[in-house]
Amino acid sequence: MLSFSEMMAGVDELGEFVQAKTPNLLETRNLKAGYLGREVVTGANITVKRGEVVALLGPNGAGKSTTLLTVAGQLPPVDGIVMLSNVPTFTPMYQRVRNGIGLVTEDRLIFTKMSARDNIKIGGGSVERVLELFPALEPRLDIRGGMLSGGEQQMIALGRALSRDPELLLADELSLGLAPMIVDRLLSAVQTAAKEHGIGALIVEQHARKALKYSDRMYLMSRGRIQMEMSSAEALTRLDEIEEAYLAGTSESEEDHIERRRRKDVRQAWGRIRVKERELRRISGTQVSRRRTGEDDEILDSEQHRRDSQMRIRRGRKY
C-alpha cells in the first residue's frame, strides 16, 4: 500500500494537469421563487464562487429582491434548489445567517433607539472591524441609529455583516438613496472583503455602472428570468446596448406579475368549464351558462376592485 508521501509524489509528476475543483459557495438550480406559491422568478441558475463578487442587475420589479430573499431563506422556493457549498439547503433564514451568510437588506435593519455601537454588537459584529472598514463612523458610535444619515446606517449594516466573517454576503440595493461617494465606499468594502478574505458576494443593484465597476461577473434579470450572463468587464463595454434593451424604464411590479398569472390561470380554468358546458348542451340540449368569453375581463376587474377595497378597509382598521 502506498504511503501518503508516495501518493503526493505521483500527483506532483502530473503537474499542471491536476486541478482541484472548489465547490461553489452558492448555486441555484432552476430556481422558481415567488409569493403564496405563485412564481415571480422562473428558472434562475446563479453561481457565486469564493473570492468573487457577482452583480444581479435588472429594472424595478424584475424579481431581483425576490431571488435574494429566497436564497437567504426568508422566502421558500416555489421550485428548484438553493445549494450552499454544494449542499442543498432548506433551513430558515436565521440558521443560514448563523451558518455563514451575511445579509444586508434594503431596509438596513437598524434599531433607531439604540446607539450605533449597540447596533453593531447586537448583530454579533465587531466594532473594531467595522471601524477598520469605515473609519468615519468612529465619532458617531454613541449616536442613536435613528439620528444617523442614510449612508451611515448603510455603513453600519454592511460593516456589521462583514465583521462577522461570513462565507457568503447577500446585499440588496446598497446604493438606494445614497450619494455616489458613499456608494463607492460601500461597494469598495465588498470588493476588498472578497479579494482579501475570500468571501463570495451576490449584490442586487439597479445602478449598473457602479455595480459592474466593483464586481467580477453579472447576471441580468428581466421579467423574472435571467436574460444574460457575462463578465463585468465585457458588460461594461456593452453597457449602452444592455441599458437600452433591458434597463430602460421599469419592469412590471411583482404584484402585477402575480395578478397577470392569476388571471391567466382563471381564464384557462373557465375555458375548460366552457368546453364541458358545450358538450353537456350537445348531449342534453340544456343551456347551462350564457356567459360569453368577452365578459371574463369585466368579472376579473370587479373581483380585483373588491379585493382592493377589502385591503384598504383592513389597513384602515389596523392603522
Protein backbone atom coordinates (compact mmCIF):
# COMPACT_ATOMS: atom_id res chain seq x y z
CA MET A 1 0.00 0.00 0.00
CA LEU A 2 1.39 3.41 -0.98
CA SER A 3 2.28 5.92 1.71
CA PHE A 4 0.90 9.47 1.65
CA SER A 5 4.28 10.90 0.50
CA GLU A 6 4.41 8.44 -2.40
CA MET A 7 0.89 9.36 -3.48
CA MET A 8 1.76 13.08 -3.34
CA ALA A 9 4.90 12.44 -5.39
CA GLY A 10 2.72 10.82 -8.05
CA VAL A 11 0.47 13.86 -8.07
CA ASP A 12 3.46 16.20 -8.47
CA GLU A 13 4.52 14.27 -11.57
CA LEU A 14 1.17 15.08 -13.21
CA GLY A 15 1.91 18.78 -12.78
CA GLU A 16 -0.42 21.23 -14.47
CA PHE A 17 -2.92 18.54 -15.46
CA VAL A 18 -4.10 18.19 -11.85
CA GLN A 19 -6.82 20.71 -10.95
CA ALA A 20 -8.68 20.95 -7.67
CA LYS A 21 -12.34 21.78 -8.17
CA THR A 22 -13.57 24.16 -5.47
CA PRO A 23 -17.32 23.92 -4.82
CA ASN A 24 -19.43 27.00 -5.46
CA LEU A 25 -20.36 28.93 -2.34
CA LEU A 26 -23.80 29.48 -3.84
CA GLU A 27 -25.61 27.71 -6.64
CA THR A 28 -29.27 27.86 -7.58
CA ARG A 29 -30.65 25.23 -9.94
CA ASN A 30 -33.78 26.07 -11.91
CA LEU A 31 -34.93 28.24 -9.01
CA LYS A 32 -38.54 29.39 -9.10
CA ALA A 33 -39.40 31.97 -6.46
CA GLY A 34 -42.48 33.96 -5.60
CA TYR A 35 -45.23 34.60 -3.10
CA LEU A 36 -48.08 32.35 -1.92
CA GLY A 37 -46.99 29.63 -4.32
CA ARG A 38 -47.17 31.88 -7.41
CA GLU A 39 -43.84 32.24 -9.14
CA VAL A 40 -42.33 35.64 -9.89
CA VAL A 41 -38.88 34.31 -10.78
CA THR A 42 -38.63 31.41 -13.23
CA GLY A 43 -35.68 29.06 -13.80
CA ALA A 44 -32.89 31.17 -12.24
CA ASN A 45 -29.46 29.48 -12.37
CA ILE A 46 -26.92 31.54 -10.42
CA THR A 47 -23.48 30.64 -9.09
CA VAL A 48 -21.11 32.51 -6.78
CA LYS A 49 -17.55 31.29 -6.15
CA ARG A 50 -15.21 32.05 -3.27
CA GLY A 51 -13.49 35.43 -3.63
CA GLU A 52 -15.95 36.57 -6.30
CA VAL A 53 -18.39 39.48 -6.41
CA VAL A 54 -21.43 38.80 -8.60
CA ALA A 55 -23.90 41.54 -9.52
CA LEU A 56 -27.57 40.77 -10.17
CA LEU A 57 -28.89 43.62 -12.31
CA GLY A 58 -32.31 44.47 -13.65
CA PRO A 59 -35.09 47.08 -13.66
CA ASN A 60 -37.62 47.60 -10.89
CA GLY A 61 -39.93 44.63 -10.45
CA ALA A 62 -37.69 42.20 -12.32
CA GLY A 63 -37.55 39.77 -9.37
CA LYS A 64 -34.06 40.54 -8.05
CA SER A 65 -35.03 41.07 -4.41
CA THR A 66 -37.34 38.05 -4.52
CA THR A 67 -34.41 35.94 -5.71
CA LEU A 68 -32.14 37.28 -2.97
CA LEU A 69 -34.71 36.70 -0.21
CA THR A 70 -35.25 33.14 -1.45
CA VAL A 71 -31.51 32.46 -1.37
CA ALA A 72 -31.37 33.94 2.14
CA GLY A 73 -34.19 31.67 3.30
CA GLN A 74 -36.82 34.31 4.05
CA LEU A 75 -38.99 33.05 1.19
CA PRO A 76 -39.44 29.33 0.45
CA PRO A 77 -38.70 28.40 -3.18
CA VAL A 78 -41.70 27.54 -5.33
CA ASP A 79 -39.49 25.00 -7.10
CA GLY A 80 -35.80 24.35 -7.71
CA ILE A 81 -32.90 24.09 -5.30
CA VAL A 82 -30.66 26.51 -3.39
CA MET A 83 -27.23 24.96 -2.71
CA LEU A 84 -24.66 26.38 -0.29
CA SER A 85 -21.18 24.83 -0.68
CA ASN A 86 -22.69 22.09 -2.87
CA VAL A 87 -25.23 21.13 -0.19
CA PRO A 88 -28.98 21.58 -0.87
CA THR A 89 -30.31 23.93 1.78
CA PHE A 90 -33.84 24.07 3.17
CA THR A 91 -33.17 25.76 6.51
CA PRO A 92 -34.84 29.05 7.56
CA MET A 93 -33.05 32.36 7.27
CA TYR A 94 -31.82 32.65 10.88
CA GLN A 95 -30.00 29.31 10.60
CA ARG A 96 -28.37 30.29 7.31
CA VAL A 97 -27.12 33.52 8.88
CA ARG A 98 -25.68 31.57 11.83
CA ASN A 99 -24.00 29.18 9.39
CA GLY A 100 -22.08 31.83 7.50
CA ILE A 101 -24.35 34.06 5.41
CA GLY A 102 -24.13 37.83 5.80
CA LEU A 103 -27.35 39.62 4.82
CA VAL A 104 -27.86 43.32 4.13
CA THR A 105 -31.40 44.19 3.06
CA GLU A 106 -32.59 47.43 1.52
CA ASP A 107 -34.30 48.23 4.88
CA ARG A 108 -30.82 48.36 6.54
CA LEU A 109 -32.09 46.63 9.74
CA ILE A 110 -31.10 49.44 12.11
CA PHE A 111 -32.63 49.80 15.58
CA THR A 112 -33.41 53.53 15.70
CA LYS A 113 -33.49 53.84 19.53
CA MET A 114 -30.12 52.12 20.01
CA SER A 115 -26.68 53.65 19.56
CA ALA A 116 -24.56 52.84 16.53
CA ARG A 117 -22.19 50.87 18.77
CA ASP A 118 -25.05 48.73 20.14
CA ASN A 119 -26.46 48.21 16.64
CA ILE A 120 -23.15 46.65 15.64
CA LYS A 121 -22.85 44.49 18.75
CA ILE A 122 -26.44 43.20 18.72
CA GLY A 123 -25.84 41.64 15.32
CA GLY A 124 -22.73 39.85 16.56
CA GLY A 125 -20.42 42.27 14.79
CA SER A 126 -17.07 43.65 15.90
CA VAL A 127 -16.88 47.41 16.45
CA GLU A 128 -13.13 47.38 15.76
CA ARG A 129 -13.57 45.57 12.44
CA VAL A 130 -16.34 47.96 11.39
CA LEU A 131 -14.12 50.97 12.15
CA GLU A 132 -11.34 49.42 10.03
CA LEU A 133 -13.78 49.31 7.12
CA PHE A 134 -15.42 52.69 7.78
CA PRO A 135 -13.27 54.97 9.98
CA ALA A 136 -15.75 57.82 9.51
CA LEU A 137 -18.14 56.05 11.91
CA GLU A 138 -15.87 56.45 14.96
CA PRO A 139 -17.26 59.83 16.15
CA ARG A 140 -20.83 58.57 15.53
CA LEU A 141 -20.70 55.38 17.63
CA ASP A 142 -22.68 56.85 20.54
CA ILE A 143 -25.36 58.45 18.36
CA ARG A 144 -28.75 56.76 18.15
CA GLY A 145 -29.38 54.85 14.94
CA GLY A 146 -32.37 56.97 14.00
CA MET A 147 -30.22 60.13 14.08
CA LEU A 148 -27.66 58.77 11.61
CA SER A 149 -27.71 59.61 7.92
CA GLY A 150 -28.77 57.02 5.39
CA GLY A 151 -25.16 56.48 4.35
CA GLU A 152 -24.03 55.95 7.95
CA GLN A 153 -26.85 53.48 8.58
CA GLN A 154 -25.87 51.52 5.49
CA MET A 155 -22.21 51.52 6.60
CA ILE A 156 -23.25 50.04 9.95
CA ALA A 157 -25.44 47.39 8.30
CA LEU A 158 -22.72 46.37 5.83
CA GLY A 159 -19.88 46.62 8.35
CA ARG A 160 -21.82 44.51 10.86
CA ALA A 161 -22.34 41.79 8.23
CA LEU A 162 -18.71 41.81 7.03
CA SER A 163 -17.23 41.91 10.55
CA ARG A 164 -18.80 38.52 11.30
CA ASP A 165 -16.53 36.91 8.64
CA PRO A 166 -19.31 35.44 6.50
CA GLU A 167 -18.57 32.96 3.75
CA LEU A 168 -21.27 34.48 1.54
CA LEU A 169 -22.59 38.06 1.54
CA LEU A 170 -26.06 38.87 0.17
CA ALA A 171 -26.66 42.60 -0.29
CA ASP A 172 -29.84 44.20 -1.62
CA GLU A 173 -29.70 47.72 -3.09
CA LEU A 174 -26.69 49.08 -1.19
CA SER A 175 -26.88 52.28 -3.26
CA LEU A 176 -30.56 53.02 -2.57
CA GLY A 177 -30.95 56.74 -1.89
CA LEU A 178 -27.24 57.34 -1.23
CA ALA A 179 -24.70 59.77 -2.65
CA PRO A 180 -22.29 58.35 -5.29
CA MET A 181 -19.27 58.81 -2.99
CA ILE A 182 -20.92 56.71 -0.25
CA VAL A 183 -21.89 54.05 -2.80
CA ASP A 184 -18.27 53.81 -3.96
CA ARG A 185 -17.14 53.37 -0.36
CA LEU A 186 -19.67 50.58 0.30
CA LEU A 187 -19.01 48.64 -2.90
CA SER A 188 -15.26 49.03 -2.45
CA ALA A 189 -15.57 47.45 1.02
CA VAL A 190 -17.40 44.47 -0.51
CA GLN A 191 -14.75 44.07 -3.21
CA THR A 192 -11.93 44.28 -0.66
CA ALA A 193 -13.55 41.65 1.57
CA ALA A 194 -13.88 39.32 -1.41
CA LYS A 195 -10.27 39.73 -2.55
CA GLU A 196 -8.57 39.75 0.86
CA HIS A 197 -10.78 37.41 2.91
CA GLY A 198 -12.12 35.14 0.16
CA ILE A 199 -15.83 35.68 0.77
CA GLY A 200 -18.32 35.38 -2.06
CA ALA A 201 -20.81 38.20 -2.62
CA LEU A 202 -24.09 38.47 -4.50
CA ILE A 203 -25.19 42.10 -4.77
CA VAL A 204 -28.52 43.24 -6.17
CA GLU A 205 -28.34 46.61 -7.89
CA GLN A 206 -30.23 48.86 -10.28
CA HIS A 207 -27.26 51.14 -10.99
CA ALA A 208 -25.42 49.00 -13.50
CA ARG A 209 -22.29 51.10 -13.99
CA LYS A 210 -21.42 51.23 -10.29
CA ALA A 211 -22.11 47.55 -9.73
CA LEU A 212 -20.07 46.43 -12.76
CA LYS A 213 -17.11 48.55 -11.67
CA TYR A 214 -16.75 46.58 -8.41
CA SER A 215 -17.91 43.09 -9.49
CA ASP A 216 -16.38 40.17 -11.39
CA ARG A 217 -19.46 38.77 -13.14
CA MET A 218 -23.03 39.85 -13.72
CA TYR A 219 -26.45 38.36 -14.30
CA LEU A 220 -29.15 40.44 -15.96
CA MET A 221 -32.72 39.71 -14.87
CA SER A 222 -35.87 40.95 -16.57
CA ARG A 223 -39.48 39.84 -16.03
CA GLY A 224 -38.40 37.12 -13.64
CA ARG A 225 -35.86 35.44 -15.95
CA ILE A 226 -32.10 35.55 -16.30
CA GLN A 227 -31.62 37.13 -19.72
CA MET A 228 -27.85 37.44 -19.81
CA GLU A 229 -24.68 36.31 -18.03
CA MET A 230 -21.17 37.61 -18.71
CA SER A 231 -18.07 39.05 -17.08
CA SER A 232 -18.38 42.57 -15.72
CA ALA A 233 -15.53 43.76 -17.94
CA GLU A 234 -17.40 42.63 -21.06
CA ALA A 235 -20.67 44.07 -19.76
CA LEU A 236 -19.06 47.50 -19.30
CA THR A 237 -18.10 47.54 -22.98
CA ARG A 238 -21.71 46.69 -23.94
CA LEU A 239 -23.41 48.80 -21.28
CA ASP A 240 -25.25 51.14 -23.67
CA GLU A 241 -26.70 48.16 -25.54
CA ILE A 242 -27.72 46.43 -22.29
CA GLU A 243 -29.33 49.56 -20.83
CA GLU A 244 -31.32 50.23 -23.99
CA ALA A 245 -32.54 46.65 -24.31
CA TYR A 246 -33.24 45.75 -20.67
CA LEU A 247 -32.70 48.54 -18.15
CA ALA A 248 -34.63 51.42 -19.73
CA GLY A 249 -37.83 52.14 -17.82
CA THR A 250 -39.25 49.65 -15.35
CA SER A 251 -40.45 46.11 -15.49
CA GLU A 252 -43.88 45.13 -14.21
CA SER A 253 -44.18 45.02 -10.45
CA GLU A 254 -44.27 41.72 -8.62
CA GLU A 255 -47.91 42.36 -7.64
CA ASP A 256 -48.83 42.99 -11.29
CA HIS A 257 -46.97 39.84 -12.32
CA ILE A 258 -48.86 37.74 -9.75
CA GLU A 259 -52.20 39.22 -10.86
CA ARG A 260 -51.43 38.60 -14.54
CA ARG A 261 -50.55 34.97 -13.84
CA ARG A 262 -53.66 34.55 -11.69
CA ARG A 263 -55.91 35.88 -14.44
CA LYS A 264 -54.28 33.59 -16.97
CA ASP A 265 -54.91 30.57 -14.72
CA VAL A 266 -58.54 31.61 -14.13
CA ARG A 267 -59.20 32.08 -17.86
CA GLN A 268 -57.77 28.64 -18.59
CA ALA A 269 -59.99 27.09 -15.90
CA TRP A 270 -63.06 28.89 -17.24
CA GLY A 271 -62.16 27.75 -20.76
CA ARG A 272 -62.15 24.11 -19.61
CA ILE A 273 -65.53 24.63 -17.94
CA ARG A 274 -66.99 26.07 -21.16
CA VAL A 275 -65.84 23.03 -23.10
CA LYS A 276 -67.71 20.80 -20.64
CA GLU A 277 -70.78 23.06 -20.83
CA ARG A 278 -70.86 22.88 -24.63
CA GLU A 279 -70.55 19.11 -24.50
CA LEU A 280 -73.35 18.90 -21.92
CA ARG A 281 -75.56 21.16 -24.07
CA ARG A 282 -74.90 18.99 -27.11
CA ILE A 283 -75.85 15.83 -25.25
CA SER A 284 -78.81 17.07 -23.20
CA GLY A 285 -79.99 20.12 -25.12
CA THR A 286 -79.91 22.14 -21.89
CA GLN A 287 -78.42 25.66 -21.78
CA VAL A 288 -76.03 25.56 -18.81
CA SER A 289 -74.45 29.01 -18.95
CA ARG A 290 -74.97 32.11 -21.10
CA ARG A 291 -71.78 33.92 -20.12
CA ARG A 292 -69.52 34.83 -23.03
CA THR A 293 -65.73 34.82 -23.14
CA GLY A 294 -65.69 38.59 -23.63
CA GLU A 295 -67.21 39.08 -20.18
CA ASP A 296 -64.25 37.46 -18.38
CA ASP A 297 -62.24 40.68 -18.05
CA GLU A 298 -65.19 42.56 -16.57
CA ILE A 299 -65.67 39.86 -13.93
CA LEU A 300 -61.94 39.75 -13.11
CA ASP A 301 -61.78 43.55 -12.83
CA SER A 302 -64.74 43.60 -10.43
CA GLU A 303 -63.08 40.91 -8.30
CA GLN A 304 -59.83 42.90 -8.20
CA HIS A 305 -61.73 46.04 -7.19
CA ARG A 306 -63.46 44.10 -4.39
CA ARG A 307 -60.12 42.73 -3.08
CA ASP A 308 -58.53 46.21 -3.19
CA SER A 309 -61.47 47.67 -1.25
CA GLN A 310 -61.20 44.96 1.40
CA MET A 311 -57.45 45.56 1.70
CA ARG A 312 -57.99 49.32 2.20
CA ILE A 313 -60.59 48.60 4.88
CA ARG A 314 -58.24 46.23 6.73
CA ARG A 315 -55.38 48.73 6.57
CA GLY A 316 -57.64 51.48 7.84
CA ARG A 317 -58.71 49.35 10.78
CA LYS A 318 -55.16 48.32 11.52
CA TYR A 319 -53.57 51.74 11.36
